[in-house]
């Protein structure tokens, strides 16, 4: 997941660079917007990744099917 979030943030950075070159922004303005877009997408992507990864913690244990219960038990010989 970390790789996907990083690729998304880098895509935002490159898109901002392209917009800066296309619209003829100054160097400082372009760099500032690139850093802000990278950090924004990286932090929001990280928070969403944590939210998705924490969903199994909130599921009730009563919803576990018998097949999963069988897999979790250790087989005795």
Protein backbone atom coordinates (compact mmCIF):
# COMPACT_ATOMS: atom_id res chain seq x y z
CA UNK A 1 0.00 0.00 0.00
CA UNK A 2 2.87 2.34 0.76
CA UNK A 3 4.08 2.05 -2.81
CA UNK A 4 0.64 2.96 -4.21
CA UNK A 5 0.39 6.01 -1.94
CA UNK A 6 3.88 7.12 -2.94
CA UNK A 7 3.13 6.70 -6.66
CA UNK A 8 -0.09 8.72 -6.26
CA UNK A 9 1.78 11.50 -4.46
CA UNK A 10 4.52 11.56 -7.10
CA UNK A 11 1.88 11.74 -9.81
CA UNK A 12 0.38 14.79 -8.08
CA UNK A 13 3.84 16.35 -7.90
CA UNK A 14 4.56 15.79 -11.59
CA UNK A 15 1.10 17.05 -12.56
CA UNK A 16 1.72 20.22 -10.56
CA UNK A 17 5.09 20.64 -12.26
CA UNK A 18 3.42 20.28 -15.64
CA UNK A 19 0.77 22.84 -14.73
CA UNK A 20 3.49 25.21 -13.50
CA UNK A 21 5.42 24.94 -16.74
CA UNK A 22 2.30 25.27 -18.84
CA UNK A 23 0.96 28.33 -17.01
CA UNK A 24 4.42 29.93 -16.66
CA UNK A 25 4.46 30.19 -12.86
CA UNK A 26 7.60 31.38 -11.11
CA UNK A 27 10.13 28.94 -9.69
CA UNK A 28 9.26 29.55 -6.03
CA UNK A 29 5.51 29.31 -6.67
CA UNK A 30 5.90 26.09 -8.63
CA UNK A 31 8.16 24.48 -6.01
CA UNK A 32 5.83 25.51 -3.18
CA UNK A 33 2.80 24.05 -4.95
CA UNK A 34 4.70 20.87 -5.81
CA UNK A 35 5.66 20.30 -2.17
CA UNK A 36 2.13 21.05 -0.98
CA UNK A 37 0.53 18.70 -3.49
CA UNK A 38 2.99 15.89 -2.68
CA UNK A 39 2.56 16.23 1.08
CA UNK A 40 -1.20 16.58 0.81
CA UNK A 41 -1.65 13.47 -1.31
CA UNK A 42 0.87 11.51 0.75
CA UNK A 43 -0.75 12.30 4.11
CA UNK A 44 -4.32 11.86 2.88
CA UNK A 45 -3.38 8.59 1.18
CA UNK A 46 -1.67 7.38 4.34
CA UNK A 47 -4.69 8.22 6.47
CA UNK A 48 -7.01 6.42 4.05
CA UNK A 49 -4.67 3.41 4.00
CA UNK A 50 -4.77 3.24 7.79
CA UNK A 51 -8.55 3.49 7.71
CA UNK A 52 -8.83 0.62 5.23
CA UNK A 53 -6.31 -1.50 7.14
CA UNK A 54 -8.11 -0.98 10.45
CA UNK A 55 -11.53 -2.20 9.21
CA UNK A 56 -10.94 -5.83 10.32
CA UNK A 57 -10.35 -4.61 13.88
CA UNK A 58 -13.93 -3.35 14.10
CA UNK A 59 -15.66 -6.40 12.64
CA UNK A 60 -17.45 -8.55 15.16
CA UNK A 61 -16.14 -12.03 15.74
CA UNK A 62 -19.66 -13.50 15.46
CA UNK A 63 -19.63 -12.97 11.68
CA UNK A 64 -16.79 -15.44 11.16
CA UNK A 65 -17.93 -18.35 8.99
CA UNK A 66 -17.27 -21.97 10.04
CA UNK A 67 -14.74 -22.40 7.23
CA UNK A 68 -12.59 -19.65 8.67
CA UNK A 69 -12.92 -21.13 12.17
CA UNK A 70 -11.67 -24.47 10.84
CA UNK A 71 -8.62 -22.82 9.29
CA UNK A 72 -7.75 -21.07 12.52
CA UNK A 73 -7.77 -24.25 14.66
CA UNK A 74 -4.60 -26.28 14.88
CA UNK A 75 -4.90 -29.82 13.60
CA UNK A 76 -3.91 -32.58 15.99
CA UNK A 77 -2.39 -35.84 14.77
